Amino acid sequence: MQSLRTKSAGFTLAALIGFAANSVLCRLALAQGSIDPASFTAVRLASGACMLAILARLMAPKPTAAGPARQGASWSSALALFVYAAAFSFAYVQLPAGTGALILFGLVQLTMVSWGLLRGERLGVLQCIGFALAIGGLVGLTAPGVSAPEPMAALTMCLAGVAWGVYSIRGMGSLNPIGANAGNFARTLPMAAALLLLMPGSKPMQASGFWLALASGALASGLAYSLWYAALRSLRSTQAAALQLSVPVLAVLGGVLLLEEAIETRLLLAGAAILCGVALAVRPSPE
C-alpha cells in the first residue's frame, strides 16, 4: 500500500511539473514570435500523439481473463483536449503570464470541485480552509500590479480551464491511461489540421518555435498527461483540483530559473500560502 502511494505521489509531482513547463514553453514561444498560436497547437498535439503512441505500444497492459483493458479514448474527450490546447495558445498571445495562470487553474478547480460536489463529495473544515488559503495565495501572486486582462483573451482562457477540467474528469475512469491519452491525442489531429486551414500563420514558423512546441507536446503534454491520468485513479475530484493550484507557482519558478525573472517577496509569500493551502486541502476527510 505504501509503495502504491509513493508511486502515485511521484506521478502527481512529475505531471504537475510538466504542466508548469507547458506554460513556460508556450509563453516563451509566443512571446518571441517564433510561431503562431495555431501552429503551436498543431505541433504540440501532433508531437504529443507521437509520444503517446510510442508509450502505448511499449506499456500496453496485458489482456486478462475478463478481456483486454478498456482504452477509454473518445471523440468527446478529444474535443475537450483540443479546445483546451487551442484556447490556451490563443489566450497567451495577449494575457500576462500570471493572470493567465490564475484564470486557467481557477476555472479548472471550479470545474472539478463542482463535479465532485455534484457526485456527493464533501469538504471538511480544514479542506475548506486550505482551498481558501490557496485561492488567496493565487490572488496575491497575480493581482498586485497586474492590469485588467483583455476581455476576449480572458474569456478564451476561461474556456481552456473548463475544457481541461472536463478532460481531467473524463480521465478518472480510464483503466488504461496511456492508451486513452494516445487515442485522444490522435483524435485531435483532424481538428488541429482544420484549425491550421482556418487560421494560417502570418509568417513562417521559426526553428526555435517548432522545438518549443515539440517539447511542449511530447514531454510537457503527452508524457505529463499520461502520468496525470495514472495519478487521477487514486485522487478524488477535490484533491486533484487542489493539487493543480500549485501549477502557477511552479510556472513562476520556472520563469525565474529559465527566463531570468526577478524573485520577489510577494512570490515567496504567495507561493507559501498556495502550497500550505494545497497541503490542507488534500488531507483525507475524517470518517
C-alpha atoms as a PDB file:
ATOM      1  CA  MET A   1       0.000   0.000   0.000  1.00  0.00           C
ATOM      2  CA  GLN A   2       2.813   2.425   0.910  1.00  0.00           C
ATOM      3  CA  SER A   3       4.613   1.714  -2.366  1.00  0.00           C
ATOM      4  CA  LEU A   4       1.424   2.436  -4.299  1.00  0.00           C
ATOM      5  CA  ARG A   5       1.016   5.757  -2.507  1.00  0.00           C
ATOM      6  CA  THR A   6       4.643   6.662  -3.211  1.00  0.00           C
ATOM      7  CA  LYS A   7       4.217   5.778  -6.874  1.00  0.00           C
ATOM      8  CA  SER A   8       1.039   7.848  -7.134  1.00  0.00           C
ATOM      9  CA  ALA A   9       2.759  10.800  -5.434  1.00  0.00           C
ATOM     10  CA  GLY A  10       5.649  10.552  -7.896  1.00  0.00           C
ATOM     11  CA  PHE A  11       3.276  10.507 -10.876  1.00  0.00           C
ATOM     12  CA  THR A  12       1.426  13.511  -9.494  1.00  0.00           C
ATOM     13  CA  LEU A  13       4.579  15.568  -8.890  1.00  0.00           C
ATOM     14  CA  ALA A  14       6.015  14.809 -12.330  1.00  0.00           C
ATOM     15  CA  ALA A  15       2.725  15.667 -14.021  1.00  0.00           C
ATOM     16  CA  LEU A  16       2.402  18.984 -12.198  1.00  0.00           C
ATOM     17  CA  ILE A  17       5.977  19.927 -13.142  1.00  0.00           C
ATOM     18  CA  GLY A  18       5.099  19.062 -16.735  1.00  0.00           C
ATOM     19  CA  PHE A  19       2.028  21.291 -16.663  1.00  0.00           C
ATOM     20  CA  ALA A  20       4.100  24.177 -15.340  1.00  0.00           C
ATOM     21  CA  ALA A  21       6.744  23.585 -18.024  1.00  0.00           C
ATOM     22  CA  ASN A  22       3.983  23.708 -20.609  1.00  0.00           C
ATOM     23  CA  SER A  23       3.098  27.254 -19.573  1.00  0.00           C
ATOM     24  CA  VAL A  24       6.741  28.357 -19.665  1.00  0.00           C
ATOM     25  CA  LEU A  25       7.320  26.826 -23.099  1.00  0.00           C
ATOM     26  CA  CYS A  26       4.154  28.323 -24.539  1.00  0.00           C
ATOM     27  CA  ARG A  27       4.851  31.788 -23.131  1.00  0.00           C
ATOM     28  CA  LEU A  28       8.407  31.723 -24.450  1.00  0.00           C
ATOM     29  CA  ALA A  29       7.443  30.594 -27.956  1.00  0.00           C
ATOM     30  CA  LEU A  30       4.603  33.070 -28.401  1.00  0.00           C
ATOM     31  CA  ALA A  31       6.378  35.986 -26.725  1.00  0.00           C
ATOM     32  CA  GLN A  32       9.358  35.773 -29.077  1.00  0.00           C
ATOM     33  CA  GLY A  33       7.052  35.480 -32.105  1.00  0.00           C
ATOM     34  CA  SER A  34       8.748  32.355 -33.406  1.00  0.00           C
ATOM     35  CA  ILE A  35       5.446  30.564 -34.006  1.00  0.00           C
ATOM     36  CA  ASP A  36       1.768  31.472 -34.234  1.00  0.00           C
ATOM     37  CA  PRO A  37      -0.789  30.008 -31.793  1.00  0.00           C
ATOM     38  CA  ALA A  38      -2.493  27.754 -34.352  1.00  0.00           C
ATOM     39  CA  SER A  39       0.821  26.212 -35.401  1.00  0.00           C
ATOM     40  CA  PHE A  40       1.912  25.857 -31.780  1.00  0.00           C
ATOM     41  CA  THR A  41      -1.316  23.986 -31.045  1.00  0.00           C
ATOM     42  CA  ALA A  42      -0.887  21.699 -34.059  1.00  0.00           C
ATOM     43  CA  VAL A  43       2.766  20.852 -33.359  1.00  0.00           C
ATOM     44  CA  ARG A  44       2.016  20.342 -29.676  1.00  0.00           C
ATOM     45  CA  LEU A  45      -0.844  17.936 -30.334  1.00  0.00           C
ATOM     46  CA  ALA A  46       0.971  16.064 -33.124  1.00  0.00           C
ATOM     47  CA  SER A  47       4.153  15.552 -31.078  1.00  0.00           C
ATOM     48  CA  GLY A  48       2.064  14.553 -28.072  1.00  0.00           C
ATOM     49  CA  ALA A  49       0.241  11.994 -30.200  1.00  0.00           C
ATOM     50  CA  CYS A  50       3.540  10.511 -31.406  1.00  0.00           C
ATOM     51  CA  MET A  51       4.993  10.282 -27.905  1.00  0.00           C
ATOM     52  CA  LEU A  52       1.847   8.653 -26.557  1.00  0.00           C
ATOM     53  CA  ALA A  53       1.662   6.174 -29.423  1.00  0.00           C
ATOM     54  CA  ILE A  54       5.174   5.008 -28.512  1.00  0.00           C
ATOM     55  CA  LEU A  55       4.335   4.789 -24.817  1.00  0.00           C
ATOM     56  CA  ALA A  56       1.111   2.938 -25.505  1.00  0.00           C
ATOM     57  CA  ARG A  57       2.974   0.405 -27.638  1.00  0.00           C
ATOM     58  CA  LEU A  58       5.709  -0.147 -25.050  1.00  0.00           C
ATOM     59  CA  MET A  59       3.475  -0.221 -21.985  1.00  0.00           C
ATOM     60  CA  ALA A  60       0.257  -1.756 -23.269  1.00  0.00           C
ATOM     61  CA  PRO A  61      -1.472  -3.707 -20.463  1.00  0.00           C
ATOM     62  CA  LYS A  62      -1.708  -7.448 -20.920  1.00  0.00           C
ATOM     63  CA  PRO A  63      -5.167  -8.910 -21.589  1.00  0.00           C
ATOM     64  CA  THR A  64      -6.821 -10.554 -18.603  1.00  0.00           C
ATOM     65  CA  ALA A  65      -9.306 -13.355 -18.267  1.00  0.00           C
ATOM     66  CA  ALA A  66     -12.047 -10.737 -18.406  1.00  0.00           C
ATOM     67  CA  GLY A  67     -10.719  -9.434 -21.724  1.00  0.00           C
ATOM     68  CA  PRO A  68      -8.380  -6.660 -22.897  1.00  0.00           C
ATOM     69  CA  ALA A  69      -8.151  -3.458 -20.913  1.00  0.00           C
ATOM     70  CA  ARG A  70     -10.598  -0.745 -21.975  1.00  0.00           C
ATOM     71  CA  GLN A  71      -8.758   2.082 -23.696  1.00  0.00           C
ATOM     72  CA  GLY A  72     -11.079   4.884 -22.603  1.00  0.00           C
ATOM     73  CA  ALA A  73     -10.446   7.231 -25.549  1.00  0.00           C
ATOM     74  CA  SER A  74     -13.384   9.003 -27.151  1.00  0.00           C
ATOM     75  CA  TRP A  75     -14.161  11.813 -29.544  1.00  0.00           C
ATOM     76  CA  SER A  76     -15.793  13.824 -26.754  1.00  0.00           C
ATOM     77  CA  SER A  77     -12.619  13.628 -24.636  1.00  0.00           C
ATOM     78  CA  ALA A  78     -10.535  14.525 -27.701  1.00  0.00           C
ATOM     79  CA  LEU A  79     -12.723  17.560 -28.320  1.00  0.00           C
ATOM     80  CA  ALA A  80     -12.208  18.725 -24.726  1.00  0.00           C
ATOM     81  CA  LEU A  81      -8.441  18.251 -25.147  1.00  0.00           C
ATOM     82  CA  PHE A  82      -8.375  20.173 -28.425  1.00  0.00           C
ATOM     83  CA  VAL A  83     -10.464  23.043 -27.074  1.00  0.00           C
ATOM     84  CA  TYR A  84      -8.108  23.339 -24.100  1.00  0.00           C
ATOM     85  CA  ALA A  85      -4.930  23.263 -26.217  1.00  0.00           C
ATOM     86  CA  ALA A  86      -6.176  25.754 -28.807  1.00  0.00           C
ATOM     87  CA  ALA A  87      -7.722  28.176 -26.316  1.00  0.00           C
ATOM     88  CA  PHE A  88      -4.574  28.017 -24.149  1.00  0.00           C
ATOM     89  CA  SER A  89      -2.338  29.018 -27.060  1.00  0.00           C
ATOM     90  CA  PHE A  90      -4.523  31.850 -28.344  1.00  0.00           C
ATOM     91  CA  ALA A  91      -5.146  33.296 -24.876  1.00  0.00           C
ATOM     92  CA  TYR A  92      -1.434  33.528 -24.057  1.00  0.00           C
ATOM     93  CA  VAL A  93      -0.831  35.789 -27.036  1.00  0.00           C
ATOM     94  CA  GLN A  94      -2.334  38.697 -25.061  1.00  0.00           C
ATOM     95  CA  LEU A  95      -2.692  37.649 -21.432  1.00  0.00           C
ATOM     96  CA  PRO A  96       0.076  38.327 -18.887  1.00  0.00           C
ATOM     97  CA  ALA A  97       1.526  35.080 -17.592  1.00  0.00           C
ATOM     98  CA  GLY A  98       0.315  35.405 -14.002  1.00  0.00           C
ATOM     99  CA  THR A  99      -3.182  36.487 -14.964  1.00  0.00           C
ATOM    100  CA  GLY A 100      -3.469  33.646 -17.455  1.00  0.00           C
ATOM    101  CA  ALA A 101      -2.368  31.058 -14.886  1.00  0.00           C
ATOM    102  CA  LEU A 102      -4.834  32.385 -12.327  1.00  0.00           C
ATOM    103  CA  ILE A 103      -7.746  32.259 -14.761  1.00  0.00           C
ATOM    104  CA  LEU A 104      -6.819  28.850 -16.153  1.00  0.00           C
ATOM    105  CA  PHE A 105      -6.316  26.923 -12.938  1.00  0.00           C
ATOM    106  CA  GLY A 106      -9.052  28.802 -11.124  1.00  0.00           C
ATOM    107  CA  LEU A 107     -11.527  27.542 -13.743  1.00  0.00           C
ATOM    108  CA  VAL A 108     -10.010  24.055 -13.645  1.00  0.00           C
ATOM    109  CA  GLN A 109     -10.531  23.970  -9.895  1.00  0.00           C
ATOM    110  CA  LEU A 110     -14.081  25.286 -10.130  1.00  0.00           C
ATOM    111  CA  THR A 111     -14.991  22.714 -12.774  1.00  0.00           C
ATOM    112  CA  MET A 112     -13.554  19.727 -10.918  1.00  0.00           C
ATOM    113  CA  VAL A 113     -14.762  20.739  -7.469  1.00  0.00           C
ATOM    114  CA  SER A 114     -18.245  21.367  -8.836  1.00  0.00           C
ATOM    115  CA  TRP A 115     -18.266  17.907 -10.384  1.00  0.00           C
ATOM    116  CA  GLY A 116     -17.074  16.330  -7.155  1.00  0.00           C
ATOM    117  CA  LEU A 117     -19.731  18.090  -5.107  1.00  0.00           C
ATOM    118  CA  LEU A 118     -22.419  17.054  -7.572  1.00  0.00           C
ATOM    119  CA  ARG A 119     -21.321  13.452  -7.072  1.00  0.00           C
ATOM    120  CA  GLY A 120     -21.665  13.732  -3.301  1.00  0.00           C
ATOM    121  CA  GLU A 121     -18.120  14.640  -2.199  1.00  0.00           C
ATOM    122  CA  ARG A 122     -17.953  16.937   0.798  1.00  0.00           C
ATOM    123  CA  LEU A 123     -15.199  19.176   2.120  1.00  0.00           C
ATOM    124  CA  GLY A 124     -14.185  19.168   5.782  1.00  0.00           C
ATOM    125  CA  VAL A 125     -13.358  22.314   7.733  1.00  0.00           C
ATOM    126  CA  LEU A 126      -9.589  22.031   7.165  1.00  0.00           C
ATOM    127  CA  GLN A 127     -10.129  21.337   3.467  1.00  0.00           C
ATOM    128  CA  CYS A 128     -12.291  24.463   3.142  1.00  0.00           C
ATOM    129  CA  ILE A 129      -9.616  26.498   4.933  1.00  0.00           C
ATOM    130  CA  GLY A 130      -6.987  25.008   2.601  1.00  0.00           C
ATOM    131  CA  PHE A 131      -8.908  25.955  -0.525  1.00  0.00           C
ATOM    132  CA  ALA A 132      -9.469  29.484   0.773  1.00  0.00           C
ATOM    133  CA  LEU A 133      -5.781  29.859   1.646  1.00  0.00           C
ATOM    134  CA  ALA A 134      -4.658  28.541  -1.730  1.00  0.00           C
ATOM    135  CA  ILE A 135      -7.026  30.797  -3.643  1.00  0.00           C
ATOM    136  CA  GLY A 136      -5.938  33.760  -1.544  1.00  0.00           C
ATOM    137  CA  GLY A 137      -2.323  32.969  -2.369  1.00  0.00           C
ATOM    138  CA  LEU A 138      -3.122  32.856  -6.078  1.00  0.00           C
ATOM    139  CA  VAL A 139      -4.844  36.226  -5.912  1.00  0.00           C
ATOM    140  CA  GLY A 140      -1.929  37.683  -4.001  1.00  0.00           C
ATOM    141  CA  LEU A 141       0.505  36.257  -6.536  1.00  0.00           C
ATOM    142  CA  THR A 142      -1.167  37.661  -9.623  1.00  0.00           C
ATOM    143  CA  ALA A 143      -3.375  40.616  -8.717  1.00  0.00           C
ATOM    144  CA  PRO A 144      -0.990  43.313  -7.427  1.00  0.00           C
ATOM    145  CA  GLY A 145       0.338  45.427 -10.303  1.00  0.00           C
ATOM    146  CA  VAL A 146      -1.475  43.415 -12.954  1.00  0.00           C
ATOM    147  CA  SER A 147      -3.785  45.429 -15.191  1.00  0.00           C
ATOM    148  CA  ALA A 148      -7.196  44.145 -16.177  1.00  0.00           C
ATOM    149  CA  PRO A 149      -6.844  41.403 -18.790  1.00  0.00           C
ATOM    150  CA  GLU A 150      -8.052  41.857 -22.334  1.00  0.00           C
ATOM    151  CA  PRO A 151     -11.684  40.616 -22.222  1.00  0.00           C
ATOM    152  CA  MET A 152     -11.651  38.190 -25.142  1.00  0.00           C
ATOM    153  CA  ALA A 153      -8.311  36.709 -24.110  1.00  0.00           C
ATOM    154  CA  ALA A 154      -9.619  36.227 -20.565  1.00  0.00           C
ATOM    155  CA  LEU A 155     -12.755  34.512 -21.851  1.00  0.00           C
ATOM    156  CA  THR A 156     -10.622  32.293 -24.066  1.00  0.00           C
ATOM    157  CA  MET A 157      -8.519  31.210 -21.090  1.00  0.00           C
ATOM    158  CA  CYS A 158     -11.716  30.555 -19.117  1.00  0.00           C
ATOM    159  CA  LEU A 159     -12.744  28.205 -21.911  1.00  0.00           C
ATOM    160  CA  ALA A 160      -9.350  26.481 -21.722  1.00  0.00           C
ATOM    161  CA  GLY A 161      -9.736  25.964 -17.971  1.00  0.00           C
ATOM    162  CA  VAL A 162     -13.205  24.460 -18.243  1.00  0.00           C
ATOM    163  CA  ALA A 163     -12.093  22.169 -21.090  1.00  0.00           C
ATOM    164  CA  TRP A 164      -9.050  20.935 -19.131  1.00  0.00           C
ATOM    165  CA  GLY A 165     -11.258  20.305 -16.111  1.00  0.00           C
ATOM    166  CA  VAL A 166     -13.661  18.267 -18.237  1.00  0.00           C
ATOM    167  CA  TYR A 167     -10.796  16.302 -19.763  1.00  0.00           C
ATOM    168  CA  SER A 168      -9.390  15.506 -16.325  1.00  0.00           C
ATOM    169  CA  ILE A 169     -12.799  14.389 -15.052  1.00  0.00           C
ATOM    170  CA  ARG A 170     -13.345  12.136 -18.044  1.00  0.00           C
ATOM    171  CA  GLY A 171      -9.920  10.583 -17.480  1.00  0.00           C
ATOM    172  CA  MET A 172     -10.725   9.456 -13.956  1.00  0.00           C
ATOM    173  CA  GLY A 173     -12.490   6.289 -15.087  1.00  0.00           C
ATOM    174  CA  SER A 174      -9.815   5.129 -17.513  1.00  0.00           C
ATOM    175  CA  LEU A 175      -8.386   1.639 -16.958  1.00  0.00           C
ATOM    176  CA  ASN A 176      -5.601   2.308 -19.463  1.00  0.00           C
ATOM    177  CA  PRO A 177      -4.500   5.956 -19.079  1.00  0.00           C
ATOM    178  CA  ILE A 178      -1.665   5.851 -21.597  1.00  0.00           C
ATOM    179  CA  GLY A 179      -3.839   4.195 -24.229  1.00  0.00           C
ATOM    180  CA  ALA A 180      -6.650   6.645 -23.505  1.00  0.00           C
ATOM    181  CA  ASN A 181      -4.380   9.647 -23.912  1.00  0.00           C
ATOM    182  CA  ALA A 182      -2.850   8.214 -27.078  1.00  0.00           C
ATOM    183  CA  GLY A 183      -6.294   7.716 -28.572  1.00  0.00           C
ATOM    184  CA  ASN A 184      -7.476  11.155 -27.535  1.00  0.00           C
ATOM    185  CA  PHE A 185      -4.394  12.939 -28.901  1.00  0.00           C
ATOM    186  CA  ALA A 186      -4.665  11.060 -32.198  1.00  0.00           C
ATOM    187  CA  ARG A 187      -8.296  12.108 -32.495  1.00  0.00           C
ATOM    188  CA  THR A 188      -7.332  15.791 -32.140  1.00  0.00           C
ATOM    189  CA  LEU A 189      -5.161  15.765 -35.265  1.00  0.00           C
ATOM    190  CA  PRO A 190      -8.010  16.364 -37.761  1.00  0.00           C
ATOM    191  CA  MET A 191      -9.189  19.218 -35.560  1.00  0.00           C
ATOM    192  CA  ALA A 192      -5.685  20.715 -35.456  1.00  0.00           C
ATOM    193  CA  ALA A 193      -5.410  20.430 -39.252  1.00  0.00           C
ATOM    194  CA  ALA A 194      -8.734  22.214 -39.651  1.00  0.00           C
ATOM    195  CA  LEU A 195      -7.534  24.970 -37.323  1.00  0.00           C
ATOM    196  CA  LEU A 196      -4.415  25.493 -39.447  1.00  0.00           C
ATOM    197  CA  LEU A 197      -6.528  25.773 -42.589  1.00  0.00           C
ATOM    198  CA  LEU A 198      -8.892  28.251 -40.979  1.00  0.00           C
ATOM    199  CA  MET A 199      -6.206  30.331 -39.245  1.00  0.00           C
ATOM    200  CA  PRO A 200      -2.858  30.051 -41.088  1.00  0.00           C
ATOM    201  CA  GLY A 201       0.143  31.881 -39.643  1.00  0.00           C
ATOM    202  CA  SER A 202       1.032  35.304 -40.974  1.00  0.00           C
ATOM    203  CA  LYS A 203       4.758  34.450 -41.142  1.00  0.00           C
ATOM    204  CA  PRO A 204       6.886  31.289 -41.438  1.00  0.00           C
ATOM    205  CA  MET A 205       7.499  29.215 -38.325  1.00  0.00           C
ATOM    206  CA  GLN A 206      10.996  29.554 -36.882  1.00  0.00           C
ATOM    207  CA  ALA A 207      13.039  26.576 -35.725  1.00  0.00           C
ATOM    208  CA  SER A 208      13.013  27.727 -32.108  1.00  0.00           C
ATOM    209  CA  GLY A 209       9.229  27.929 -32.103  1.00  0.00           C
ATOM    210  CA  PHE A 210       8.943  24.458 -33.573  1.00  0.00           C
ATOM    211  CA  TRP A 211      11.238  22.901 -30.972  1.00  0.00           C
ATOM    212  CA  LEU A 212       9.474  24.662 -28.111  1.00  0.00           C
ATOM    213  CA  ALA A 213       6.116  23.399 -29.342  1.00  0.00           C
ATOM    214  CA  LEU A 214       7.587  19.924 -29.845  1.00  0.00           C
ATOM    215  CA  ALA A 215       8.857  19.822 -26.266  1.00  0.00           C
ATOM    216  CA  SER A 216       5.510  21.109 -25.057  1.00  0.00           C
ATOM    217  CA  GLY A 217       3.671  18.325 -26.858  1.00  0.00           C
ATOM    218  CA  ALA A 218       5.946  15.325 -26.372  1.00  0.00           C
ATOM    219  CA  LEU A 219       7.130  15.959 -22.811  1.00  0.00           C
ATOM    220  CA  ALA A 220       5.031  18.563 -21.028  1.00  0.00           C
ATOM    221  CA  SER A 221       1.771  17.357 -22.608  1.00  0.00           C
ATOM    222  CA  GLY A 222       1.901  13.757 -23.797  1.00  0.00           C
ATOM    223  CA  LEU A 223       4.093  12.294 -21.083  1.00  0.00           C
ATOM    224  CA  ALA A 224       2.755  14.534 -18.307  1.00  0.00           C
ATOM    225  CA  TYR A 225      -0.877  13.831 -19.189  1.00  0.00           C
ATOM    226  CA  SER A 226      -0.240  10.104 -19.020  1.00  0.00           C
ATOM    227  CA  LEU A 227       1.225  10.486 -15.546  1.00  0.00           C
ATOM    228  CA  TRP A 228      -1.691  12.697 -14.508  1.00  0.00           C
ATOM    229  CA  TYR A 229      -4.239  10.181 -15.806  1.00  0.00           C
ATOM    230  CA  ALA A 230      -2.491   7.481 -13.786  1.00  0.00           C
ATOM    231  CA  ALA A 231      -2.459   9.676 -10.672  1.00  0.00           C
ATOM    232  CA  LEU A 232      -6.154  10.524 -11.043  1.00  0.00           C
ATOM    233  CA  ARG A 233      -7.080   6.911 -10.347  1.00  0.00           C
ATOM    234  CA  SER A 234      -6.116   7.426  -6.687  1.00  0.00           C
ATOM    235  CA  LEU A 235      -7.355  11.026  -6.300  1.00  0.00           C
ATOM    236  CA  ARG A 236     -10.763  12.472  -5.621  1.00  0.00           C
ATOM    237  CA  SER A 237     -12.004  15.380  -7.778  1.00  0.00           C
ATOM    238  CA  THR A 238     -11.478  17.875  -4.972  1.00  0.00           C
ATOM    239  CA  GLN A 239      -7.950  16.616  -4.290  1.00  0.00           C
ATOM    240  CA  ALA A 240      -6.995  16.777  -7.962  1.00  0.00           C
ATOM    241  CA  ALA A 241      -8.354  20.308  -8.228  1.00  0.00           C
ATOM    242  CA  ALA A 242      -6.412  21.430  -5.154  1.00  0.00           C
ATOM    243  CA  LEU A 243      -3.151  19.962  -6.403  1.00  0.00           C
ATOM    244  CA  GLN A 244      -3.440  21.833  -9.681  1.00  0.00           C
ATOM    245  CA  LEU A 245      -3.459  25.099  -7.748  1.00  0.00           C
ATOM    246  CA  SER A 246       0.288  24.611  -7.263  1.00  0.00           C
ATOM    247  CA  VAL A 247       0.973  24.738 -11.010  1.00  0.00           C
ATOM    248  CA  PRO A 248       1.006  28.570 -11.296  1.00  0.00           C
ATOM    249  CA  VAL A 249       3.616  28.684  -8.529  1.00  0.00           C
ATOM    250  CA  LEU A 250       5.743  26.115 -10.331  1.00  0.00           C
ATOM    251  CA  ALA A 251       5.316  28.052 -13.581  1.00  0.00           C
ATOM    252  CA  VAL A 252       6.510  31.263 -11.921  1.00  0.00           C
ATOM    253  CA  LEU A 253       9.533  29.438 -10.507  1.00  0.00           C
ATOM    254  CA  GLY A 254      10.257  28.077 -13.966  1.00  0.00           C
ATOM    255  CA  GLY A 255      10.136  31.617 -15.290  1.00  0.00           C
ATOM    256  CA  VAL A 256      12.608  32.701 -12.627  1.00  0.00           C
ATOM    257  CA  LEU A 257      15.039  29.906 -13.489  1.00  0.00           C
ATOM    258  CA  LEU A 258      14.660  29.842 -17.270  1.00  0.00           C
ATOM    259  CA  LEU A 259      13.522  33.344 -18.179  1.00  0.00           C
ATOM    260  CA  GLU A 260      15.555  35.206 -15.535  1.00  0.00           C
ATOM    261  CA  GLU A 261      12.506  36.817 -13.947  1.00  0.00           C
ATOM    262  CA  ALA A 262      13.110  38.567 -10.630  1.00  0.00           C
ATOM    263  CA  ILE A 263      12.368  36.813  -7.319  1.00  0.00           C
ATOM    264  CA  GLU A 264      10.105  38.993  -5.172  1.00  0.00           C
ATOM    265  CA  THR A 265       8.880  38.770  -1.585  1.00  0.00           C
ATOM    266  CA  ARG A 266       5.352  38.640  -2.975  1.00  0.00           C
ATOM    267  CA  LEU A 267       6.247  35.475  -4.882  1.00  0.00           C
ATOM    268  CA  LEU A 268       7.676  33.767  -1.816  1.00  0.00           C
ATOM    269  CA  LEU A 269       4.728  34.662   0.452  1.00  0.00           C
ATOM    270  CA  ALA A 270       2.049  33.796  -2.095  1.00  0.00           C
ATOM    271  CA  GLY A 271       3.800  30.547  -3.014  1.00  0.00           C
ATOM    272  CA  ALA A 272       3.948  29.526   0.636  1.00  0.00           C
ATOM    273  CA  ALA A 273       0.230  30.266   1.058  1.00  0.00           C
ATOM    274  CA  ILE A 274      -0.685  28.210  -2.001  1.00  0.00           C
ATOM    275  CA  LEU A 275       1.407  25.194  -1.073  1.00  0.00           C
ATOM    276  CA  CYS A 276       0.192  25.232   2.544  1.00  0.00           C
ATOM    277  CA  GLY A 277      -3.367  25.528   1.317  1.00  0.00           C
ATOM    278  CA  VAL A 278      -2.884  22.590  -1.029  1.00  0.00           C
ATOM    279  CA  ALA A 279      -1.449  20.512   1.819  1.00  0.00           C
ATOM    280  CA  LEU A 280      -4.571  21.166   3.903  1.00  0.00           C
ATOM    281  CA  ALA A 281      -6.979  20.658   1.022  1.00  0.00           C
ATOM    282  CA  VAL A 282      -5.685  17.196   0.131  1.00  0.00           C
ATOM    283  CA  ARG A 283      -5.945  15.884   3.699  1.00  0.00           C
ATOM    284  CA  PRO A 284      -8.401  12.965   3.868  1.00  0.00           C
ATOM    285  CA  SER A 285     -11.764  13.824   5.328  1.00  0.00           C
ATOM    286  CA  PRO A 286     -12.478  12.233   8.744  1.00  0.00           C
ATOM    287  CA  GLU A 287     -14.801   9.266   8.552  1.00  0.00           C
END
